[in-house]
C-alpha atoms as a PDB file:
ATOM      1  CA  UNK A   1       0.014   0.094  -0.006  1.00  0.00           C
ATOM      2  CA  UNK A   2       1.074   3.499  -0.273  1.00  0.00           C
ATOM      3  CA  UNK A   3       1.161   4.067   3.348  1.00  0.00           C
ATOM      4  CA  UNK A   4       3.381   1.135   3.699  1.00  0.00           C
ATOM      5  CA  UNK A   5       5.704   2.314   1.214  1.00  0.00           C
ATOM      6  CA  UNK A   6       5.943   5.518   3.072  1.00  0.00           C
ATOM      7  CA  UNK A   7       6.512   3.971   6.271  1.00  0.00           C
ATOM      8  CA  UNK A   8       9.426   2.029   4.686  1.00  0.00           C
ATOM      9  CA  UNK A   9       7.849  -1.492   5.288  1.00  0.00           C
ATOM     10  CA  UNK A  10       7.245  -3.951   2.718  1.00  0.00           C
ATOM     11  CA  UNK A  11       3.982  -4.853   1.331  1.00  0.00           C
ATOM     12  CA  UNK A  12       2.188  -7.669   3.516  1.00  0.00           C
ATOM     13  CA  UNK A  13       1.040  -9.574   0.137  1.00  0.00           C
ATOM     14  CA  UNK A  14       4.142 -11.386  -1.278  1.00  0.00           C
ATOM     15  CA  UNK A  15       4.689 -13.419  -4.504  1.00  0.00           C
ATOM     16  CA  UNK A  16       6.894 -16.130  -5.809  1.00  0.00           C
ATOM     17  CA  UNK A  17       9.715 -14.532  -7.812  1.00  0.00           C
ATOM     18  CA  UNK A  18      11.818 -16.507 -10.718  1.00  0.00           C
ATOM     19  CA  UNK A  19      15.134 -17.736  -9.787  1.00  0.00           C
ATOM     20  CA  UNK A  20      16.696 -15.211 -12.255  1.00  0.00           C
ATOM     21  CA  UNK A  21      15.353 -12.365  -9.950  1.00  0.00           C
ATOM     22  CA  UNK A  22      16.433 -14.031  -6.539  1.00  0.00           C
ATOM     23  CA  UNK A  23      19.809 -14.556  -8.166  1.00  0.00           C
ATOM     24  CA  UNK A  24      19.930 -10.762  -9.086  1.00  0.00           C
ATOM     25  CA  UNK A  25      18.708  -9.873  -5.533  1.00  0.00           C
ATOM     26  CA  UNK A  26      21.830 -11.823  -4.066  1.00  0.00           C
ATOM     27  CA  UNK A  27      24.258 -10.199  -6.807  1.00  0.00           C
ATOM     28  CA  UNK A  28      22.950  -6.708  -5.755  1.00  0.00           C
ATOM     29  CA  UNK A  29      23.088  -7.460  -2.075  1.00  0.00           C
ATOM     30  CA  UNK A  30      26.855  -8.854  -2.602  1.00  0.00           C
ATOM     31  CA  UNK A  31      27.694  -5.464  -4.370  1.00  0.00           C
ATOM     32  CA  UNK A  32      26.287  -3.498  -1.816  1.00  0.00           C
ATOM     33  CA  UNK A  33      28.299  -5.416   0.862  1.00  0.00           C
ATOM     34  CA  UNK A  34      31.495  -4.958  -0.886  1.00  0.00           C
ATOM     35  CA  UNK A  35      30.784  -1.166  -1.352  1.00  0.00           C
ATOM     36  CA  UNK A  36      30.210  -0.828   2.433  1.00  0.00           C
ATOM     37  CA  UNK A  37      32.996  -2.831   3.476  1.00  0.00           C
ATOM     38  CA  UNK A  38      35.303  -0.323   1.123  1.00  0.00           C
ATOM     39  CA  UNK A  39      33.849   2.929   2.383  1.00  0.00           C
ATOM     40  CA  UNK A  40      31.498   2.513   5.718  1.00  0.00           C
ATOM     41  CA  UNK A  41      30.561   6.278   5.459  1.00  0.00           C
ATOM     42  CA  UNK A  42      28.115   5.727   2.700  1.00  0.00           C
ATOM     43  CA  UNK A  43      26.012   4.335   5.276  1.00  0.00           C
ATOM     44  CA  UNK A  44      25.721   7.877   6.660  1.00  0.00           C
ATOM     45  CA  UNK A  45      24.424   9.131   3.193  1.00  0.00           C
ATOM     46  CA  UNK A  46      20.736  10.052   2.956  1.00  0.00           C
ATOM     47  CA  UNK A  47      20.391   8.421  -0.404  1.00  0.00           C
ATOM     48  CA  UNK A  48      22.310   5.076   0.376  1.00  0.00           C
ATOM     49  CA  UNK A  49      20.752   4.474   3.704  1.00  0.00           C
ATOM     50  CA  UNK A  50      17.279   4.072   2.897  1.00  0.00           C
ATOM     51  CA  UNK A  51      18.515   1.344   0.003  1.00  0.00           C
ATOM     52  CA  UNK A  52      20.353  -0.503   2.698  1.00  0.00           C
ATOM     53  CA  UNK A  53      17.439  -0.318   5.081  1.00  0.00           C
ATOM     54  CA  UNK A  54      15.095  -1.875   2.405  1.00  0.00           C
ATOM     55  CA  UNK A  55      17.462  -4.309   1.562  1.00  0.00           C
ATOM     56  CA  UNK A  56      18.106  -5.738   5.033  1.00  0.00           C
ATOM     57  CA  UNK A  57      14.184  -6.089   5.283  1.00  0.00           C
ATOM     58  CA  UNK A  58      13.957  -7.971   1.923  1.00  0.00           C
ATOM     59  CA  UNK A  59      16.836 -10.269   2.852  1.00  0.00           C
ATOM     60  CA  UNK A  60      15.249 -11.121   6.161  1.00  0.00           C
ATOM     61  CA  UNK A  61      11.711 -11.583   4.633  1.00  0.00           C
ATOM     62  CA  UNK A  62      13.160 -13.806   1.761  1.00  0.00           C
ATOM     63  CA  UNK A  63      14.797 -15.631   4.774  1.00  0.00           C
ATOM     64  CA  UNK A  64      18.454 -14.975   3.259  1.00  0.00           C
ATOM     65  CA  UNK A  65      19.791 -14.716   6.679  1.00  0.00           C
ATOM     66  CA  UNK A  66      23.340 -15.220   5.471  1.00  0.00           C
ATOM     67  CA  UNK A  67      22.970 -12.069   3.211  1.00  0.00           C
ATOM     68  CA  UNK A  68      21.749 -10.215   5.851  1.00  0.00           C
ATOM     69  CA  UNK A  69      24.270 -11.059   8.273  1.00  0.00           C
ATOM     70  CA  UNK A  70      27.015 -10.245   6.060  1.00  0.00           C
ATOM     71  CA  UNK A  71      25.341  -6.693   5.277  1.00  0.00           C
ATOM     72  CA  UNK A  72      25.044  -6.048   8.947  1.00  0.00           C
ATOM     73  CA  UNK A  73      28.652  -7.170   9.701  1.00  0.00           C
ATOM     74  CA  UNK A  74      29.780  -4.774   6.960  1.00  0.00           C
ATOM     75  CA  UNK A  75      27.470  -1.853   8.210  1.00  0.00           C
ATOM     76  CA  UNK A  76      28.627  -2.347  11.789  1.00  0.00           C
ATOM     77  CA  UNK A  77      32.390  -2.356  10.871  1.00  0.00           C
ATOM     78  CA  UNK A  78      32.892  -5.925  12.096  1.00  0.00           C
ATOM     79  CA  UNK A  79      35.602  -7.795  10.677  1.00  0.00           C
ATOM     80  CA  UNK A  80      33.530 -10.807   9.886  1.00  0.00           C
ATOM     81  CA  UNK A  81      30.071 -12.270  10.646  1.00  0.00           C
ATOM     82  CA  UNK A  82      29.906 -13.081  14.359  1.00  0.00           C
ATOM     83  CA  UNK A  83      32.759 -10.637  15.384  1.00  0.00           C
ATOM     84  CA  UNK A  84      32.040  -7.690  17.627  1.00  0.00           C
ATOM     85  CA  UNK A  85      30.917  -4.260  15.911  1.00  0.00           C
ATOM     86  CA  UNK A  86      33.388  -1.598  15.629  1.00  0.00           C
ATOM     87  CA  UNK A  87      32.240   1.095  18.308  1.00  0.00           C
ATOM     88  CA  UNK A  88      33.461   4.054  16.198  1.00  0.00           C
ATOM     89  CA  UNK A  89      31.337   2.876  13.217  1.00  0.00           C
ATOM     90  CA  UNK A  90      28.220   2.592  15.588  1.00  0.00           C
ATOM     91  CA  UNK A  91      28.892   6.089  17.113  1.00  0.00           C
ATOM     92  CA  UNK A  92      29.013   7.403  13.500  1.00  0.00           C
ATOM     93  CA  UNK A  93      25.734   5.852  12.859  1.00  0.00           C
ATOM     94  CA  UNK A  94      24.067   6.779  15.848  1.00  0.00           C
ATOM     95  CA  UNK A  95      24.997  10.445  15.565  1.00  0.00           C
ATOM     96  CA  UNK A  96      23.568  10.767  11.827  1.00  0.00           C
ATOM     97  CA  UNK A  97      19.937  10.897  10.949  1.00  0.00           C
ATOM     98  CA  UNK A  98      20.434   8.489   8.141  1.00  0.00           C
ATOM     99  CA  UNK A  99      22.767   6.020   9.925  1.00  0.00           C
ATOM    100  CA  UNK A 100      20.358   6.096  12.884  1.00  0.00           C
ATOM    101  CA  UNK A 101      17.560   4.766  10.872  1.00  0.00           C
ATOM    102  CA  UNK A 102      19.890   2.131   9.529  1.00  0.00           C
ATOM    103  CA  UNK A 103      20.758   1.195  13.151  1.00  0.00           C
ATOM    104  CA  UNK A 104      17.046   0.787  13.657  1.00  0.00           C
ATOM    105  CA  UNK A 105      16.848  -1.384  10.514  1.00  0.00           C
ATOM    106  CA  UNK A 106      19.654  -3.543  11.905  1.00  0.00           C
ATOM    107  CA  UNK A 107      18.096  -3.959  15.314  1.00  0.00           C
ATOM    108  CA  UNK A 108      14.790  -5.138  13.543  1.00  0.00           C
ATOM    109  CA  UNK A 109      16.600  -7.744  11.321  1.00  0.00           C
ATOM    110  CA  UNK A 110      19.608  -9.073  13.409  1.00  0.00           C
ATOM    111  CA  UNK A 111      19.696 -12.523  14.666  1.00  0.00           C
ATOM    112  CA  UNK A 112      19.184 -13.042  18.191  1.00  0.00           C
ATOM    113  CA  UNK A 113      23.076 -13.553  18.524  1.00  0.00           C
ATOM    114  CA  UNK A 114      23.906 -10.402  16.678  1.00  0.00           C
ATOM    115  CA  UNK A 115      21.403  -8.379  18.527  1.00  0.00           C
ATOM    116  CA  UNK A 116      22.541  -9.449  21.710  1.00  0.00           C
ATOM    117  CA  UNK A 117      26.218  -8.559  20.717  1.00  0.00           C
ATOM    118  CA  UNK A 118      25.418  -5.396  19.601  1.00  0.00           C
ATOM    119  CA  UNK A 119      23.331  -4.549  22.698  1.00  0.00           C
ATOM    120  CA  UNK A 120      26.051  -5.652  25.128  1.00  0.00           C
ATOM    121  CA  UNK A 121      28.900  -4.071  23.214  1.00  0.00           C
ATOM    122  CA  UNK A 122      27.736  -0.907  22.209  1.00  0.00           C
ATOM    123  CA  UNK A 123      24.169  -0.002  23.496  1.00  0.00           C
ATOM    124  CA  UNK A 124      24.727  -1.097  27.037  1.00  0.00           C
ATOM    125  CA  UNK A 125      27.246   1.668  28.177  1.00  0.00           C
ATOM    126  CA  UNK A 126      25.291   4.145  26.420  1.00  0.00           C
ATOM    127  CA  UNK A 127      21.672   3.681  27.528  1.00  0.00           C
ATOM    128  CA  UNK A 128      21.357   6.518  30.166  1.00  0.00           C
ATOM    129  CA  UNK A 129      23.341   8.770  27.141  1.00  0.00           C
ATOM    130  CA  UNK A 130      20.675   7.635  24.868  1.00  0.00           C
ATOM    131  CA  UNK A 131      17.567   8.443  27.268  1.00  0.00           C
ATOM    132  CA  UNK A 132      18.668  11.919  27.873  1.00  0.00           C
ATOM    133  CA  UNK A 133      18.994  12.868  24.186  1.00  0.00           C
ATOM    134  CA  UNK A 134      22.435  14.626  24.777  1.00  0.00           C
ATOM    135  CA  UNK A 135      23.491  13.745  21.459  1.00  0.00           C
ATOM    136  CA  UNK A 136      20.530  14.477  19.220  1.00  0.00           C
ATOM    137  CA  UNK A 137      16.952  13.281  18.885  1.00  0.00           C
ATOM    138  CA  UNK A 138      17.562   9.773  17.640  1.00  0.00           C
ATOM    139  CA  UNK A 139      17.964   8.135  20.837  1.00  0.00           C
ATOM    140  CA  UNK A 140      14.480   7.390  21.827  1.00  0.00           C
ATOM    141  CA  UNK A 141      13.601   5.660  18.498  1.00  0.00           C
ATOM    142  CA  UNK A 142      16.663   3.191  19.079  1.00  0.00           C
ATOM    143  CA  UNK A 143      15.479   2.625  22.610  1.00  0.00           C
ATOM    144  CA  UNK A 144      12.074   1.715  21.215  1.00  0.00           C
ATOM    145  CA  UNK A 145      13.931  -0.786  18.881  1.00  0.00           C
ATOM    146  CA  UNK A 146      15.986  -2.251  21.531  1.00  0.00           C
ATOM    147  CA  UNK A 147      13.179  -2.609  23.945  1.00  0.00           C
ATOM    148  CA  UNK A 148      11.118  -4.408  21.045  1.00  0.00           C
ATOM    149  CA  UNK A 149      13.802  -6.562  19.883  1.00  0.00           C
ATOM    150  CA  UNK A 150      15.091  -8.018  23.175  1.00  0.00           C
ATOM    151  CA  UNK A 151      15.069 -12.013  23.160  1.00  0.00           C
ATOM    152  CA  UNK A 152      17.071 -12.532  26.490  1.00  0.00           C
ATOM    153  CA  UNK A 153      15.357 -11.853  29.628  1.00  0.00           C
ATOM    154  CA  UNK A 154      18.746 -11.245  31.210  1.00  0.00           C
ATOM    155  CA  UNK A 155      19.058  -8.138  29.364  1.00  0.00           C
ATOM    156  CA  UNK A 156      15.897  -6.655  30.509  1.00  0.00           C
ATOM    157  CA  UNK A 157      17.136  -5.440  33.932  1.00  0.00           C
ATOM    158  CA  UNK A 158      20.137  -4.046  32.306  1.00  0.00           C
ATOM    159  CA  UNK A 159      17.755  -1.908  29.974  1.00  0.00           C
ATOM    160  CA  UNK A 160      15.735  -0.927  32.925  1.00  0.00           C
ATOM    161  CA  UNK A 161      18.925   0.072  34.680  1.00  0.00           C
ATOM    162  CA  UNK A 162      19.945   2.413  32.042  1.00  0.00           C
ATOM    163  CA  UNK A 163      16.716   4.386  31.878  1.00  0.00           C
ATOM    164  CA  UNK A 164      15.290   6.990  34.101  1.00  0.00           C
ATOM    165  CA  UNK A 165      11.439   6.496  34.057  1.00  0.00           C
ATOM    166  CA  UNK A 166      11.092   9.659  36.186  1.00  0.00           C
ATOM    167  CA  UNK A 167      12.223  11.708  33.015  1.00  0.00           C
ATOM    168  CA  UNK A 168      10.481   9.491  30.298  1.00  0.00           C
ATOM    169  CA  UNK A 169       7.074   8.653  31.764  1.00  0.00           C
ATOM    170  CA  UNK A 170       5.999  12.311  32.583  1.00  0.00           C
ATOM    171  CA  UNK A 171       3.862  14.887  30.418  1.00  0.00           C
ATOM    172  CA  UNK A 172       6.767  17.181  29.801  1.00  0.00           C
ATOM    173  CA  UNK A 173       8.642  14.262  28.171  1.00  0.00           C
ATOM    174  CA  UNK A 174       8.115  14.144  24.143  1.00  0.00           C
ATOM    175  CA  UNK A 175       6.142  11.520  22.645  1.00  0.00           C
ATOM    176  CA  UNK A 176       8.946   9.320  21.644  1.00  0.00           C
ATOM    177  CA  UNK A 177      10.115   9.089  25.135  1.00  0.00           C
ATOM    178  CA  UNK A 178       6.687   8.193  26.017  1.00  0.00           C
ATOM    179  CA  UNK A 179       6.901   5.383  23.370  1.00  0.00           C
ATOM    180  CA  UNK A 180       9.863   4.184  24.883  1.00  0.00           C
ATOM    181  CA  UNK A 181       7.882   3.367  28.331  1.00  0.00           C
ATOM    182  CA  UNK A 182       5.281   1.597  26.289  1.00  0.00           C
ATOM    183  CA  UNK A 183       7.694  -0.704  24.657  1.00  0.00           C
ATOM    184  CA  UNK A 184       9.415  -1.309  27.667  1.00  0.00           C
ATOM    185  CA  UNK A 185       6.337  -2.594  29.507  1.00  0.00           C
ATOM    186  CA  UNK A 186       5.487  -4.502  26.582  1.00  0.00           C
ATOM    187  CA  UNK A 187       9.020  -6.223  26.735  1.00  0.00           C
ATOM    188  CA  UNK A 188       8.098  -7.245  30.277  1.00  0.00           C
ATOM    189  CA  UNK A 189       4.959  -8.975  29.112  1.00  0.00           C
ATOM    190  CA  UNK A 190       6.692 -10.795  26.283  1.00  0.00           C
ATOM    191  CA  UNK A 191       9.764 -11.929  28.318  1.00  0.00           C
ATOM    192  CA  UNK A 192       7.740 -12.361  31.597  1.00  0.00           C
ATOM    193  CA  UNK A 193      10.362 -10.574  33.532  1.00  0.00           C
ATOM    194  CA  UNK A 194      11.021  -7.385  35.577  1.00  0.00           C
ATOM    195  CA  UNK A 195       7.240  -6.784  36.317  1.00  0.00           C
ATOM    196  CA  UNK A 196       7.474  -5.333  39.769  1.00  0.00           C
ATOM    197  CA  UNK A 197      10.746  -3.438  39.183  1.00  0.00           C
ATOM    198  CA  UNK A 198       9.257  -1.606  36.111  1.00  0.00           C
ATOM    199  CA  UNK A 199       5.817  -0.890  37.559  1.00  0.00           C
ATOM    200  CA  UNK A 200       7.215   0.390  41.050  1.00  0.00           C
ATOM    201  CA  UNK A 201       9.815   2.730  39.055  1.00  0.00           C
ATOM    202  CA  UNK A 202       6.857   4.052  37.095  1.00  0.00           C
ATOM    203  CA  UNK A 203       4.557   4.585  40.099  1.00  0.00           C
ATOM    204  CA  UNK A 204       7.425   6.319  42.095  1.00  0.00           C
ATOM    205  CA  UNK A 205       7.907   8.668  38.678  1.00  0.00           C
ATOM    206  CA  UNK A 206       4.351   9.817  39.054  1.00  0.00           C
ATOM    207  CA  UNK A 207       4.325   9.817  42.810  1.00  0.00           C
ATOM    208  CA  UNK A 208       1.725   7.021  43.044  1.00  0.00           C
ATOM    209  CA  UNK A 209       1.737   5.511  46.526  1.00  0.00           C
ATOM    210  CA  UNK A 210       3.004   1.957  46.790  1.00  0.00           C
ATOM    211  CA  UNK A 211       1.912   1.360  50.325  1.00  0.00           C
ATOM    212  CA  UNK A 212      -1.194  -0.960  50.970  1.00  0.00           C
ATOM    213  CA  UNK A 213      -2.813   1.573  53.232  1.00  0.00           C
ATOM    214  CA  UNK A 214      -1.999   4.569  51.275  1.00  0.00           C
ATOM    215  CA  UNK A 215      -4.571   6.443  49.174  1.00  0.00           C
ATOM    216  CA  UNK A 216      -4.242   5.560  45.463  1.00  0.00           C
ATOM    217  CA  UNK A 217      -7.066   7.748  44.175  1.00  0.00           C
ATOM    218  CA  UNK A 218      -4.419   9.751  42.117  1.00  0.00           C
ATOM    219  CA  UNK A 219      -3.247   6.261  40.325  1.00  0.00           C
ATOM    220  CA  UNK A 220      -5.513   6.189  37.366  1.00  0.00           C
ATOM    221  CA  UNK A 221      -5.502  10.152  36.600  1.00  0.00           C
ATOM    222  CA  UNK A 222      -1.787  10.287  36.823  1.00  0.00           C
ATOM    223  CA  UNK A 223      -1.042   7.301  34.432  1.00  0.00           C
ATOM    224  CA  UNK A 224      -3.763   8.587  31.937  1.00  0.00           C
ATOM    225  CA  UNK A 225      -2.132  11.940  31.991  1.00  0.00           C
ATOM    226  CA  UNK A 226       1.128  11.278  33.109  1.00  0.00           C
ATOM    227  CA  UNK A 227       0.897  14.140  35.475  1.00  0.00           C
ATOM    228  CA  UNK A 228       1.401  13.243  39.147  1.00  0.00           C
ATOM    229  CA  UNK A 229      -0.936  15.815  40.647  1.00  0.00           C
ATOM    230  CA  UNK A 230      -4.137  14.955  38.763  1.00  0.00           C
ATOM    231  CA  UNK A 231      -7.364  13.909  40.220  1.00  0.00           C
ATOM    232  CA  UNK A 232     -10.326  12.298  38.756  1.00  0.00           C
ATOM    233  CA  UNK A 233     -11.966  15.801  38.406  1.00  0.00           C
ATOM    234  CA  UNK A 234      -9.106  16.983  36.439  1.00  0.00           C
ATOM    235  CA  UNK A 235      -9.802  14.337  33.687  1.00  0.00           C
ATOM    236  CA  UNK A 236     -13.292  16.166  32.831  1.00  0.00           C
ATOM    237  CA  UNK A 237     -13.487  19.297  31.006  1.00  0.00           C
ATOM    238  CA  UNK A 238     -16.894  21.199  32.100  1.00  0.00           C
ATOM    239  CA  UNK A 239     -19.604  21.889  29.598  1.00  0.00           C
ATOM    240  CA  UNK A 240     -18.711  24.579  27.405  1.00  0.00           C
ATOM    241  CA  UNK A 241     -20.663  26.613  24.778  1.00  0.00           C
ATOM    242  CA  UNK A 242     -23.139  24.281  23.009  1.00  0.00           C
ATOM    243  CA  UNK A 243     -21.803  21.060  24.663  1.00  0.00           C
ATOM    244  CA  UNK A 244     -24.345  20.279  27.564  1.00  0.00           C
ATOM    245  CA  UNK A 245     -22.217  17.397  28.955  1.00  0.00           C
ATOM    246  CA  UNK A 246     -18.563  17.394  30.303  1.00  0.00           C
ATOM    247  CA  UNK A 247     -15.902  15.729  27.967  1.00  0.00           C
ATOM    248  CA  UNK A 248     -12.824  13.872  28.787  1.00  0.00           C
ATOM    249  CA  UNK A 249      -9.818  16.103  28.682  1.00  0.00           C
ATOM    250  CA  UNK A 250      -7.358  15.586  25.947  1.00  0.00           C
ATOM    251  CA  UNK A 251      -4.731  12.926  27.208  1.00  0.00           C
ATOM    252  CA  UNK A 252      -1.269  11.984  25.853  1.00  0.00           C
ATOM    253  CA  UNK A 253      -1.248   9.027  23.565  1.00  0.00           C
ATOM    254  CA  UNK A 254       0.794   6.970  25.889  1.00  0.00           C
ATOM    255  CA  UNK A 255      -1.291   7.563  28.816  1.00  0.00           C
ATOM    256  CA  UNK A 256      -4.108   4.995  28.001  1.00  0.00           C
ATOM    257  CA  UNK A 257      -1.302   2.566  26.264  1.00  0.00           C
ATOM    258  CA  UNK A 258       0.706   2.544  29.521  1.00  0.00           C
ATOM    259  CA  UNK A 259      -2.554   1.890  31.347  1.00  0.00           C
ATOM    260  CA  UNK A 260      -3.271  -1.042  28.968  1.00  0.00           C
ATOM    261  CA  UNK A 261       0.179  -2.752  29.261  1.00  0.00           C
ATOM    262  CA  UNK A 262       0.176  -2.522  33.053  1.00  0.00           C
ATOM    263  CA  UNK A 263      -3.352  -4.176  32.911  1.00  0.00           C
ATOM    264  CA  UNK A 264      -1.486  -7.285  31.428  1.00  0.00           C
ATOM    265  CA  UNK A 265       0.814  -7.306  34.271  1.00  0.00           C
ATOM    266  CA  UNK A 266       0.403  -9.818  37.322  1.00  0.00           C
ATOM    267  CA  UNK A 267      -1.758  -8.311  40.176  1.00  0.00           C
ATOM    268  CA  UNK A 268       0.875  -8.288  42.773  1.00  0.00           C
ATOM    269  CA  UNK A 269       3.094  -5.925  40.575  1.00  0.00           C
ATOM    270  CA  UNK A 270       0.310  -3.578  40.026  1.00  0.00           C
ATOM    271  CA  UNK A 271      -1.585  -3.370  42.910  1.00  0.00           C
ATOM    272  CA  UNK A 272      -2.196   0.606  43.285  1.00  0.00           C
ATOM    273  CA  UNK A 273      -3.914   0.225  39.627  1.00  0.00           C
ATOM    274  CA  UNK A 274      -6.294  -2.496  40.918  1.00  0.00           C
ATOM    275  CA  UNK A 275      -6.880  -0.611  44.298  1.00  0.00           C
ATOM    276  CA  UNK A 276      -7.372   2.690  42.711  1.00  0.00           C
ATOM    277  CA  UNK A 277     -10.072   1.313  40.175  1.00  0.00           C
ATOM    278  CA  UNK A 278     -12.961   1.318  42.671  1.00  0.00           C
ATOM    279  CA  UNK A 279     -12.036   4.832  43.703  1.00  0.00           C
ATOM    280  CA  UNK A 280     -12.290   6.025  40.095  1.00  0.00           C
ATOM    281  CA  UNK A 281     -15.683   4.388  39.713  1.00  0.00           C
ATOM    282  CA  UNK A 282     -16.901   5.627  43.127  1.00  0.00           C
ATOM    283  CA  UNK A 283     -15.884   9.303  42.312  1.00  0.00           C
ATOM    284  CA  UNK A 284     -18.760  11.466  41.180  1.00  0.00           C
ATOM    285  CA  UNK A 285     -16.690  13.359  38.796  1.00  0.00           C
ATOM    286  CA  UNK A 286     -15.957   9.932  36.949  1.00  0.00           C
END
């Protein structure tokens, strides 16, 4: 579809292609691998990067995992498939708009082994730097891909330890930072790990009490708005003009998404959320 093409995604419907076309694809992939090996800086060009991104996704979808591995290794400056990435090359990719998008494609298409190696060698020491946006506006998108792509539950506490939810999960943060939190919560559910740790950090970031005897009436308003000082009454806009009924205030897109992700967590990890629900319905302003 047109939208899929604009988003850089391949069409959902696929067709068998003649062997001659498959052979041509392999030849083109081989030529591009040689080009990147000869000059890694081509990965930073605004016209080359989209071609390499598309090729990676084509190779993955055609199950040409060897071709994808060769291109990923060349792009990351590794001496061979399976060898560690070159940190200087990864830095150059991350600091460039075109290169950063190519890094995202690599995280989308890499094997579990390559993804894990890239996470531990390059991204692990730089997680806090990425989330702080100190070196540009691309870090949050890479963090989203990291959370989406984690395969090993042992890496999830590492990712969580490198993030500051008190800065990412608040209304003043950007929408792409909010999406890092959504993806992180999704990773917890997918990997069945870190439920309590992530939930407690999120509750603390929004000043939602964790004690069993404490008042959690602000839990749902705070999560929906990503503002700690919200009440149920603050969720409602009084009737104005021709409107005869109050309406729900505009919410950040990530607020309801975060609530939905938390509702998939085990009960014991998100007790304030469950304890606050009756208080939400009992409030006359709800």
